[in-house]
Structures are given as structure tokens and as C-alpha cells.
Protein backbone atom coordinates (compact mmCIF):
# COMPACT_ATOMS: atom_id res chain seq x y z
CA MET A 1 0.00 0.00 0.00
CA LYS A 2 1.34 3.43 -0.91
CA LYS A 3 0.38 7.05 -1.33
CA LEU A 4 -0.22 8.02 -4.93
CA ASP A 5 2.18 10.77 -5.94
CA CYS A 6 -0.35 13.37 -7.11
CA PRO A 7 0.81 16.76 -8.39
CA HIS A 8 -0.93 19.72 -6.74
CA PHE A 9 -3.38 20.34 -9.53
CA THR A 10 -5.88 23.21 -9.45
CA LEU A 11 -9.17 22.89 -11.29
CA THR A 12 -10.14 25.80 -13.54
CA GLU A 13 -12.64 26.01 -16.40
CA THR A 14 -10.17 24.28 -18.74
CA LEU A 15 -8.16 21.11 -18.12
CA THR A 16 -4.45 21.15 -18.95
CA SER A 17 -2.69 18.50 -21.03
CA GLU A 18 -0.77 17.43 -17.92
CA GLN A 19 -4.02 16.85 -16.03
CA LEU A 20 -5.55 14.93 -18.93
CA ASP A 21 -2.44 12.74 -19.27
CA PHE A 22 -2.29 12.03 -15.52
CA PHE A 23 -5.90 10.90 -15.47
CA LYS A 24 -5.51 8.82 -18.63
CA VAL A 25 -2.69 6.84 -16.99
CA ASN A 26 -4.07 6.51 -13.45
CA GLY A 27 -7.87 6.76 -13.74
CA VAL A 28 -7.91 9.07 -10.71
CA ILE A 29 -6.88 12.67 -10.04
CA ILE A 30 -6.99 15.18 -7.15
CA PHE A 31 -7.61 18.91 -7.42
CA ARG A 32 -6.56 20.76 -4.28
CA LYS A 33 -8.56 23.52 -2.54
CA PHE A 34 -11.49 23.25 -4.93
CA VAL A 35 -13.77 24.97 -2.41
CA GLU A 36 -12.89 27.29 0.46
CA PRO A 37 -13.46 26.43 4.16
CA GLU A 38 -16.49 28.75 4.27
CA THR A 39 -18.06 26.83 1.37
CA VAL A 40 -17.35 23.50 3.08
CA LYS A 41 -19.26 24.78 6.14
CA LEU A 42 -22.11 25.95 3.90
CA PHE A 43 -22.37 22.54 2.24
CA LEU A 44 -22.32 20.73 5.59
CA ASN A 45 -25.09 23.00 6.85
CA GLU A 46 -27.21 22.23 3.78
CA VAL A 47 -26.67 18.48 4.19
CA GLN A 48 -27.61 18.65 7.87
CA LYS A 49 -30.83 20.55 7.05
CA VAL A 50 -31.87 17.95 4.47
CA GLU A 51 -30.93 15.08 6.78
CA LYS A 52 -33.02 16.50 9.65
CA LYS A 53 -36.00 17.03 7.36
CA TRP A 54 -35.85 13.46 6.04
CA LEU A 55 -35.45 11.98 9.52
CA ASP A 56 -38.42 14.02 10.76
CA GLU A 57 -40.48 12.83 7.77
CA GLY A 58 -39.48 9.21 8.31
CA ARG A 59 -38.17 8.91 4.75
CA ASP A 60 -36.43 5.68 3.84
CA LYS A 61 -35.75 6.31 0.14
CA VAL A 62 -35.53 9.11 -2.42
CA ASN A 63 -36.52 8.62 -6.06
CA GLY A 64 -36.55 4.87 -5.45
CA VAL A 65 -33.03 4.79 -3.95
CA PRO A 66 -32.85 3.61 -0.31
CA LEU A 67 -31.20 5.84 2.27
CA LYS A 68 -28.49 4.29 4.45
CA PHE A 69 -29.00 4.69 8.21
CA GLY A 70 -26.66 4.28 11.15
CA LYS A 71 -25.89 5.62 14.63
CA ASN A 72 -23.46 8.32 15.70
CA GLU A 73 -21.20 8.27 18.74
CA ASN A 74 -24.18 9.37 20.90
CA ASN A 75 -26.24 6.41 19.63
CA GLU A 76 -28.50 8.80 17.70
CA LYS A 77 -29.99 7.79 14.36
CA ILE A 78 -28.29 9.42 11.38
CA ILE A 79 -28.43 9.03 7.61
CA GLN A 80 -25.06 7.79 6.42
CA ARG A 81 -25.83 7.81 2.71
CA LEU A 82 -28.07 10.51 1.25
CA CYS A 83 -28.92 10.74 -2.45
CA PHE A 84 -30.33 13.31 -4.89
CA LEU A 85 -29.33 16.02 -2.44
CA SER A 86 -29.22 18.85 -4.96
CA LEU A 87 -32.90 18.29 -5.79
CA HIS A 88 -33.66 19.27 -2.18
CA SER A 89 -31.24 22.18 -1.76
CA GLU A 90 -31.04 25.34 -3.85
CA VAL A 91 -27.47 25.88 -2.65
CA LEU A 92 -26.29 22.46 -3.79
CA SER A 93 -28.23 22.65 -7.06
CA ALA A 94 -26.53 25.97 -7.86
CA PHE A 95 -23.15 24.41 -7.04
CA LEU A 96 -23.61 21.73 -9.71
CA LYS A 97 -23.69 24.51 -12.31
CA ASP A 98 -20.09 25.52 -11.44
CA PRO A 99 -18.30 25.68 -14.84
CA ARG A 100 -15.25 24.00 -13.31
CA LEU A 101 -17.30 20.85 -12.80
CA LYS A 102 -18.44 20.97 -16.41
CA SER A 103 -14.80 21.10 -17.55
CA LEU A 104 -14.31 17.58 -16.16
CA ILE A 105 -16.50 16.19 -18.94
CA GLU A 106 -13.42 16.37 -21.16
CA LEU A 107 -11.98 13.43 -19.18
CA LEU A 108 -14.61 11.27 -20.91
CA HIS A 109 -13.56 12.25 -24.46
CA PRO A 110 -14.56 11.12 -27.08
CA PHE A 111 -17.89 10.50 -25.29
CA ASP A 112 -20.36 13.29 -24.58
CA GLY A 113 -20.96 13.57 -20.85
CA ARG A 114 -23.29 15.42 -18.50
CA ILE A 115 -23.77 15.98 -14.78
CA GLY A 116 -26.40 13.45 -13.65
CA GLU A 117 -28.30 15.56 -11.17
CA ASP A 118 -31.50 13.51 -11.55
CA GLU A 119 -29.92 10.25 -12.81
CA LYS A 120 -28.17 7.29 -11.13
CA ASP A 121 -28.30 8.36 -7.44
CA GLY A 122 -27.84 12.07 -8.16
CA LEU A 123 -25.66 14.06 -5.77
CA VAL A 124 -24.74 11.64 -2.98
CA LEU A 125 -23.34 12.31 0.48
CA ASN A 126 -21.46 9.43 2.09
CA ASN A 127 -20.97 9.94 5.83
CA TYR A 128 -18.47 7.38 7.07
CA ILE A 129 -18.10 7.20 10.85
CA ARG A 130 -16.80 4.35 12.95
CA THR A 131 -18.70 3.64 16.16
CA PRO A 132 -19.75 0.38 17.83
CA ASN A 133 -23.23 0.98 16.35
CA SER A 134 -22.32 2.41 12.96
CA SER A 135 -23.19 0.37 9.88
CA PHE A 136 -21.16 2.40 7.38
CA SER A 137 -17.47 2.77 8.23
CA GLN A 138 -15.84 1.16 5.18
CA MET A 139 -16.67 -0.24 1.76
CA GLY A 140 -15.15 -3.25 0.00
CA TRP A 141 -13.56 -3.42 -3.43
CA HIS A 142 -15.81 -2.51 -6.35
CA THR A 143 -16.14 -0.55 -9.56
CA ASP A 144 -19.09 1.71 -10.34
CA SER A 145 -19.81 0.16 -13.74
CA PRO A 146 -21.85 -3.05 -13.24
CA ARG A 147 -25.02 -1.20 -12.21
CA ASP A 148 -25.39 -0.33 -15.90
CA LEU A 149 -25.80 -4.06 -16.51
CA PHE A 150 -28.47 -4.30 -13.80
CA LEU A 151 -30.34 -1.54 -15.61
CA GLY A 152 -30.23 -3.49 -18.87
CA GLN A 153 -27.61 -1.30 -20.53
CA ARG A 154 -24.09 -1.83 -21.75
CA ILE A 155 -21.36 -0.41 -19.51
CA MET A 156 -20.79 3.24 -20.33
CA PRO A 157 -17.91 5.51 -19.26
CA MET A 158 -18.63 7.67 -16.22
CA LEU A 159 -16.82 9.72 -13.59
CA ASN A 160 -17.43 9.94 -9.86
CA VAL A 161 -16.45 13.38 -8.64
CA GLY A 162 -15.91 13.66 -4.88
CA ILE A 163 -16.04 16.93 -2.94
CA HIS A 164 -14.40 16.22 0.40
CA LEU A 165 -15.94 17.92 3.43
CA ASP A 166 -13.52 16.52 6.04
CA SER A 167 -9.76 16.19 6.03
CA CYS A 168 -8.61 12.57 5.87
CA PRO A 169 -4.88 11.84 5.94
CA PHE A 170 -3.72 8.58 4.40
CA GLU A 171 -3.24 7.03 7.86
CA ASN A 172 -6.89 7.65 8.74
CA GLY A 173 -8.22 5.38 5.99
CA GLY A 174 -10.35 6.69 3.15
CA LEU A 175 -10.24 6.14 -0.59
CA ARG A 176 -8.00 3.39 -1.97
CA VAL A 177 -7.63 2.71 -5.69
CA LEU A 178 -5.82 0.35 -8.05
CA PRO A 179 -4.32 2.88 -10.48
CA GLY A 180 -4.71 2.07 -14.15
CA THR A 181 -7.44 -0.55 -13.75
CA HIS A 182 -9.90 1.67 -15.64
CA ARG A 183 -8.16 0.37 -18.78
CA GLN A 184 -8.84 -3.30 -17.95
CA GLY A 185 -10.99 -5.59 -20.08
CA ILE A 186 -14.57 -6.47 -19.26
CA LEU A 187 -13.73 -9.80 -17.59
CA ARG A 188 -11.28 -8.24 -15.15
CA LEU A 189 -13.71 -5.40 -14.50
CA LEU A 190 -16.40 -7.86 -13.49
CA PHE A 191 -14.43 -10.67 -11.86
CA SER A 192 -11.03 -9.46 -10.55
CA LYS A 193 -12.38 -9.32 -6.99
CA PRO A 194 -15.60 -10.27 -5.17
CA TYR A 195 -17.66 -7.11 -5.22
CA PHE A 196 -18.00 -5.28 -1.86
CA VAL A 197 -17.34 -8.30 0.38
CA ASN A 198 -13.54 -8.08 -0.03
CA ASN A 199 -11.96 -5.39 2.18
CA LYS A 200 -8.41 -6.74 2.07
CA PRO A 201 -5.60 -4.33 1.16
CA ASP A 202 -4.04 -4.97 -2.25
CA PRO A 203 -0.23 -4.73 -2.67
CA LYS A 204 -0.78 -2.47 -5.70
CA GLU A 205 -3.35 -0.14 -4.14
CA ALA A 206 -2.74 3.55 -3.52
CA GLY A 207 -4.26 6.07 -1.14
CA PHE A 208 -4.12 9.81 -0.57
CA ASP A 209 -3.79 12.65 1.88
CA ILE A 210 -7.10 14.49 1.50
CA HIS A 211 -7.94 17.93 2.88
CA ALA A 212 -11.40 19.39 3.38
CA GLY A 213 -12.24 21.28 0.20
CA ASP A 214 -10.26 18.97 -2.13
CA LEU A 215 -11.92 17.39 -5.14
CA THR A 216 -11.18 13.89 -6.42
CA VAL A 217 -12.23 12.32 -9.70
CA HIS A 218 -12.13 8.61 -10.42
CA ASP A 219 -13.15 6.69 -13.51
CA GLY A 220 -16.19 4.48 -12.86
CA ARG A 221 -14.29 1.48 -14.19
CA ILE A 222 -11.40 1.69 -11.71
CA TRP A 223 -11.25 -0.74 -8.77
CA HIS A 224 -11.54 1.15 -5.48
CA ARG A 225 -12.59 0.73 -1.86
CA VAL A 226 -12.87 2.76 1.35
CA GLN A 227 -10.41 1.84 4.10
CA GLN A 228 -11.85 1.86 7.63
CA SER A 229 -10.45 4.46 10.00
CA PRO A 230 -8.37 3.14 12.93
CA HIS A 231 -10.19 5.68 15.13
CA PHE A 232 -13.69 5.86 16.56
CA GLY A 233 -16.18 8.69 16.77
CA GLU A 234 -15.59 12.15 15.38
CA ALA A 235 -11.91 11.42 14.65
CA SER A 236 -13.02 8.78 12.14
CA ARG A 237 -15.61 10.90 10.32
CA ARG A 238 -15.26 11.27 6.54
CA ARG A 239 -17.99 13.05 4.61
CA VAL A 240 -17.81 13.17 0.82
CA MET A 241 -20.33 14.45 -1.71
CA TYR A 242 -20.22 12.58 -5.03
CA VAL A 243 -21.36 14.08 -8.32
CA PRO A 244 -21.91 11.58 -11.18
CA ILE A 245 -20.75 12.69 -14.62
CA ILE A 246 -22.25 10.18 -17.02
CA THR A 247 -22.71 9.24 -20.66
CA GLY A 248 -25.32 7.32 -22.62
CA LYS A 249 -29.11 7.56 -22.68
CA TYR A 250 -30.76 10.11 -20.41
CA LEU A 251 -32.58 8.16 -17.68
CA PRO A 252 -33.98 10.52 -15.04
CA LYS A 253 -35.49 9.28 -11.78
CA THR A 254 -38.53 10.60 -9.94
CA GLU A 255 -40.43 9.84 -6.74
CA HIS A 256 -42.29 7.20 -8.76
CA SER A 257 -39.12 5.34 -9.77
CA LYS A 258 -38.75 1.74 -8.66
CA THR A 259 -35.88 0.66 -6.44
CA PRO A 260 -33.04 -0.68 -8.63
CA PHE A 261 -32.50 -4.39 -8.14
CA TYR A 262 -28.91 -4.09 -6.87
CA HIS A 263 -29.90 -1.81 -3.97
CA ARG A 264 -31.72 -4.71 -2.34
CA PHE A 265 -28.38 -6.19 -1.33
CA THR A 266 -26.49 -3.13 -0.12
CA HIS A 267 -27.25 -3.83 3.55
CA LYS A 268 -25.23 -7.02 3.21
CA VAL A 269 -22.05 -5.40 1.88
CA HIS A 270 -21.57 -2.22 3.97
CA ASN A 271 -20.11 -2.31 7.44
């Protein structure tokens, strides 16, 4: 296991050739200080408002996608995975129109891409926290591509764009990737590892030092996992908002959408 040697890239409205080349080789890239500390606080406040509203309403899914619940260090019920957040927050919806985010579509060239605000799971917030009662403190090896197959489509290129709302040094766990595996064939994409149930470190995996406000992008075809923090409680917390940038047929979801088949098994693979 190692830290990936990432240059200190800054995201503007146009990607540089160096940034494009780095992503083409590794399938992952980090842009430092994408949002300022004040904006991080604003986003966290918006997430907390939506979470409280959904808990008060007793919601268990949004647009057919189940919410993921757990307990915090005070044994209080929390939502550890929220979806379609921007559809319930004017602040977050406005953020998705940031032209810097749109510039990332070039990473999918020659495919035409778009920000999937009302597709897939929309804007997602993953709230990892390790407590004796938490059900979402790590995630096993997977790629983001096979859900296309569950939806009856061929696998299409996509990006998962993470806006990090907490600092997470390499030693505290967090995102782990197998660089370059986005260029693997279909058989290795589907069968290299058992999906989600395998949390074992890989000798070739790489991790990162992440700071609140950083932005990460990974290709949907790359193998990745989330390493559990060695700490408990607030010291283990890692909140990341994920924006999907997708290709292919436009498939929006609404409150009338059915729960995708693969979501029926998520409770068995998160811990």
C-alpha cells in the first residue's frame, strides 16, 4: 500500500494537457482547494438541514433509492448515505452549475458527458463514521460500472467526482484505488475481486492525503474501496459528496421510480 504521488493540480474552467495525461494513466486525479473552508461549512449545513427534514419525515428512500442509516457516537440515528441532495437544496443545485465541474467532462472524451443531477443516485453524500453501532465505516472493493448491466444497458464511461468535506490523511483510511485498472478488459472489471465483500488491502493499491475542500475524480471502471479508520467517533468521520458525470441515454429518476435491483443487497455489503 502506498500514497499516490499526485501533483498539486488546481481545477479551472479548462483542463491542462498534464491533467488529462495524468488521469488517462491513473484513472484518478486530485484537485486541491477546490472549495474554500467557508463553502465547506455551507455545504455541511445544507446536508444537515436535508438530513433532519428526512429523519423528521421518516423517509427511507428518495426517487426509489434507499437511504443508508446508522448511529453516531451518541447512539442517535443518522443518515449515512443521502442521495439526490441537490434536488432538495437550492445551494447544492446551484453548485452543480459551477463551470469548473463541467470542464471535467473532457476526461470522458470522445464520449459526450453530463452531470447526472437527476440520474443514477444524483448528488450523494457518504458519511463514514466508525462507532460500535455504525453500519457504514468502510466499503469493500468494487467498480461503479456493473449497475449499468443491472439496468439493462451496456457499460458506459462515467466519472465519480468527490467533494471532500472533512480532512482525511492517508493514515486515517479513506479512498483506496488500483491505479490504471480503468483500462482493464470487461472480464477483469467484473471478476477481478468479489464485489464489496472483499476489504483486504491490495499490494498495488494507492491512497491519498485528503484535505477538506479537495476534489477527487475517479473513472467508474477503476477498482476502489474505502479503508476503515483506525479511530472511533468524530476522529473517524469522513464526509464526501459525489457528483456523477455520465454518458449514454438520459434516464432521469422521480419519486415514482422503482428501487433498482442491486440496492436490495447493499445492507449485506456495507459495514
